[in-house]
Amino acid sequence: MKNKFIFFLVMAPCFALKAQTISGRLDCTVTGSIVAASEDGKFKNYSGFKDGIKVGDRVTLNYSATRNSTSKYKSLYITMVSTANENKPKTVISQRFDLNDQNINLSVNPDGGLVIKEQSFNHSISFQPDYIRVKEFRELALRRYYKNDWHGIFISSDPTESLAQFLAFNCRHVEDNMELAAKLLSAK
């Protein structure tokens, strides 16, 4: 048993070297929030949901690109979470694509950016030097407006409840590894 443990301790760094992950983070503040609804045939609008994300709340967008050199596994994960209540974080949007999935199409742009499309549901991630977009049943779009300053919107609709939500953000790229992450995923 002791020999197995020593073998694991010696080999663990070798296994860890096979996978590489590059992560980044944007810290954002909600600058606007609207919930629009149709109630009893009338248009209503609200500043948000009860116990939901509101103007002034902090949200964090995290991204991570992972590549395993031995299995050729590649993935991109983007998530935005409200950090207003540390005990109960709320996910705004979250998307992960395994780039080896046959339903996934990866396009590498000349500027080094990536566009990843999932064909079954028409979901996508645009991961460009000046633009991040996550499109699934909801949509998040952020655009760089100056150096590490970004702004953007989040849109979600629920036709069965006759309502839609709109959030606006101002963000600061505090851990900018977009170029490295895109290179990691676009390399052959």
Protein backbone atom coordinates (compact mmCIF):
# COMPACT_ATOMS: atom_id res chain seq x y z
CA MET A 1 0.00 0.00 0.00
CA LYS A 2 2.84 2.37 0.88
CA ASN A 3 4.43 1.80 -2.56
CA LYS A 4 1.17 2.70 -4.31
CA PHE A 5 0.97 5.94 -2.34
CA ILE A 6 4.57 6.85 -3.18
CA PHE A 7 3.92 6.05 -6.86
CA PHE A 8 0.89 8.36 -6.82
CA LEU A 9 2.87 11.18 -5.19
CA VAL A 10 5.61 10.85 -7.79
CA MET A 11 3.25 10.56 -10.78
CA ALA A 12 0.61 13.14 -9.75
CA PRO A 13 2.59 16.12 -11.13
CA CYS A 14 2.93 14.29 -14.47
CA PHE A 15 -0.85 13.80 -14.75
CA ALA A 16 -1.47 17.45 -13.81
CA LEU A 17 0.86 18.69 -16.56
CA LYS A 18 -1.27 17.05 -19.26
CA ALA A 19 -4.21 19.38 -18.65
CA GLN A 20 -3.89 23.15 -18.84
CA THR A 21 -6.53 25.65 -17.77
CA ILE A 22 -6.43 29.41 -18.36
CA SER A 23 -8.98 31.52 -16.48
CA GLY A 24 -10.05 35.13 -16.37
CA ARG A 25 -12.51 37.36 -14.56
CA LEU A 26 -14.55 40.52 -15.03
CA ASP A 27 -16.06 42.27 -12.01
CA CYS A 28 -19.29 44.02 -12.89
CA THR A 29 -21.90 46.30 -11.38
CA VAL A 30 -25.55 46.17 -12.43
CA THR A 31 -26.36 49.64 -13.80
CA GLY A 32 -29.92 48.96 -14.93
CA SER A 33 -32.71 46.45 -14.40
CA ILE A 34 -36.15 46.17 -15.94
CA VAL A 35 -38.73 43.41 -15.83
CA ALA A 36 -41.50 43.89 -18.37
CA ALA A 37 -44.68 41.86 -18.18
CA SER A 38 -48.14 41.55 -19.61
CA GLU A 39 -50.64 41.23 -16.76
CA ASP A 40 -54.37 41.00 -17.39
CA GLY A 41 -53.88 42.46 -20.85
CA LYS A 42 -51.89 45.45 -19.59
CA PHE A 43 -48.20 46.33 -19.85
CA LYS A 44 -46.41 46.45 -16.49
CA ASN A 45 -42.77 47.10 -15.72
CA TYR A 46 -40.80 46.57 -12.56
CA SER A 47 -37.27 47.31 -11.42
CA GLY A 48 -36.60 43.61 -10.78
CA PHE A 49 -37.79 40.44 -9.09
CA LYS A 50 -38.28 40.11 -5.35
CA ASP A 51 -34.96 38.81 -3.96
CA GLY A 52 -33.52 39.09 -7.48
CA ILE A 53 -30.61 40.99 -8.94
CA LYS A 54 -31.03 44.75 -8.65
CA VAL A 55 -29.24 47.96 -9.64
CA GLY A 56 -26.01 48.35 -7.72
CA ASP A 57 -25.48 44.61 -7.21
CA ARG A 58 -22.08 43.13 -8.00
CA VAL A 59 -21.79 40.27 -10.48
CA THR A 60 -18.71 38.38 -11.64
CA LEU A 61 -18.11 36.89 -15.08
CA ASN A 62 -15.59 34.03 -15.01
CA TYR A 63 -14.23 32.18 -18.01
CA SER A 64 -11.92 29.22 -18.28
CA ALA A 65 -10.41 27.41 -21.23
CA THR A 66 -9.14 23.88 -20.65
CA ARG A 67 -7.05 21.71 -22.91
CA ASN A 68 -5.75 18.22 -22.23
CA SER A 69 -2.74 17.57 -24.45
CA THR A 70 -2.98 13.78 -24.29
CA SER A 71 -6.68 13.32 -25.03
CA LYS A 72 -7.11 16.44 -27.21
CA TYR A 73 -10.01 17.43 -24.93
CA LYS A 74 -10.81 21.17 -25.14
CA SER A 75 -13.57 23.14 -23.45
CA LEU A 76 -14.67 26.71 -22.78
CA TYR A 77 -16.74 27.60 -19.73
CA ILE A 78 -18.30 31.01 -19.07
CA THR A 79 -20.46 31.85 -16.09
CA MET A 80 -21.84 35.06 -14.58
CA VAL A 81 -22.85 34.96 -10.92
CA SER A 82 -24.32 37.60 -8.63
CA THR A 83 -22.12 38.14 -5.60
CA ALA A 84 -24.55 40.48 -3.82
CA ASN A 85 -25.46 37.79 -1.27
CA GLU A 86 -22.36 35.67 -0.59
CA ASN A 87 -24.47 33.02 1.18
CA LYS A 88 -26.79 32.59 -1.82
CA PRO A 89 -25.00 33.38 -5.10
CA LYS A 90 -27.35 33.60 -8.09
CA THR A 91 -26.30 32.42 -11.52
CA VAL A 92 -27.17 34.92 -14.22
CA ILE A 93 -25.99 32.71 -17.11
CA SER A 94 -23.68 29.72 -17.49
CA GLN A 95 -22.49 27.86 -20.59
CA ARG A 96 -19.82 25.20 -21.20
CA PHE A 97 -18.90 23.71 -24.54
CA ASP A 98 -16.84 20.57 -25.05
CA LEU A 99 -15.12 21.41 -28.35
CA ASN A 100 -14.71 17.72 -29.18
CA ASP A 101 -18.48 17.19 -29.31
CA GLN A 102 -19.61 16.49 -32.88
CA ASN A 103 -22.46 19.03 -32.53
CA ILE A 104 -19.96 21.82 -31.79
CA ASN A 105 -18.48 23.99 -34.53
CA LEU A 106 -15.40 26.11 -33.72
CA SER A 107 -14.43 29.07 -35.90
CA VAL A 108 -11.18 30.91 -35.27
CA ASN A 109 -11.16 34.53 -36.45
CA PRO A 110 -8.06 36.25 -37.87
CA ASP A 111 -7.98 38.57 -34.81
CA GLY A 112 -7.56 35.52 -32.57
CA GLY A 113 -11.15 35.38 -31.36
CA LEU A 114 -13.35 32.32 -31.29
CA VAL A 115 -16.95 31.60 -32.19
CA ILE A 116 -18.30 28.32 -30.87
CA LYS A 117 -21.71 27.11 -32.05
CA GLU A 118 -23.78 24.21 -30.81
CA GLN A 119 -25.95 23.12 -33.72
CA SER A 120 -28.85 21.27 -32.01
CA PHE A 121 -30.22 24.25 -30.05
CA ASN A 122 -28.38 27.07 -31.85
CA HIS A 123 -26.51 28.04 -28.68
CA SER A 124 -23.19 29.83 -29.05
CA ILE A 125 -20.30 31.61 -27.41
CA SER A 126 -18.43 34.46 -29.09
CA PHE A 127 -15.10 34.99 -27.38
CA GLN A 128 -13.50 37.93 -29.20
CA PRO A 129 -10.81 40.38 -28.07
CA ASP A 130 -13.44 43.14 -27.68
CA TYR A 131 -16.67 41.15 -27.43
CA ILE A 132 -18.08 38.31 -25.32
CA ARG A 133 -21.48 36.82 -26.08
CA VAL A 134 -23.22 33.84 -24.54
CA LYS A 135 -26.39 32.83 -26.37
CA GLU A 136 -28.55 30.05 -25.07
CA PHE A 137 -32.18 30.34 -23.99
CA ARG A 138 -31.05 33.64 -22.46
CA GLU A 139 -28.42 36.01 -23.82
CA LEU A 140 -25.47 37.96 -22.43
CA ALA A 141 -23.37 40.35 -24.52
CA LEU A 142 -20.41 42.41 -23.29
CA ARG A 143 -18.32 44.82 -25.34
CA ARG A 144 -15.01 46.48 -24.46
CA TYR A 145 -15.33 50.27 -24.58
CA TYR A 146 -11.92 51.28 -23.21
CA LYS A 147 -8.84 49.20 -22.30
CA ASN A 148 -10.15 46.91 -19.52
CA ASP A 149 -13.57 48.57 -19.25
CA TRP A 150 -16.56 46.66 -20.62
CA HIS A 151 -20.30 47.23 -20.72
CA GLY A 152 -23.14 44.98 -21.70
CA ILE A 153 -26.61 43.57 -21.38
CA PHE A 154 -28.40 40.41 -20.33
CA ILE A 155 -31.80 39.50 -21.77
CA SER A 156 -34.11 36.73 -20.62
CA SER A 157 -37.71 36.05 -21.58
CA ASP A 158 -40.33 33.65 -20.32
CA PRO A 159 -43.22 33.58 -22.79
CA THR A 160 -45.23 31.19 -20.60
CA GLU A 161 -45.23 33.82 -17.82
CA SER A 162 -45.52 36.75 -20.29
CA LEU A 163 -42.43 38.50 -18.97
CA ALA A 164 -38.93 39.54 -19.96
CA GLN A 165 -35.94 40.73 -17.95
CA PHE A 166 -33.23 43.15 -19.03
CA LEU A 167 -30.04 43.88 -17.07
CA ALA A 168 -27.27 46.35 -17.96
CA PHE A 169 -23.69 46.10 -16.65
CA ASN A 170 -20.50 48.08 -16.35
CA CYS A 171 -17.49 45.77 -15.95
CA ARG A 172 -13.78 45.84 -15.30
CA HIS A 173 -11.55 43.07 -16.63
CA VAL A 174 -9.49 42.38 -13.51
CA GLU A 175 -7.91 39.12 -14.70
CA ASP A 176 -7.49 39.44 -18.48
CA ASN A 177 -6.40 36.16 -20.03
CA MET A 178 -8.68 36.18 -23.08
CA GLU A 179 -5.85 36.09 -25.63
CA LEU A 180 -4.11 33.18 -23.89
CA ALA A 181 -7.39 31.29 -23.48
CA ALA A 182 -8.29 31.73 -27.16
CA LYS A 183 -4.81 30.59 -28.23
CA LEU A 184 -5.06 27.52 -26.02
CA LEU A 185 -8.33 26.46 -27.65
CA SER A 186 -7.44 27.39 -31.24
CA ALA A 187 -4.08 25.56 -31.31
CA LYS A 188 -4.05 22.30 -33.26
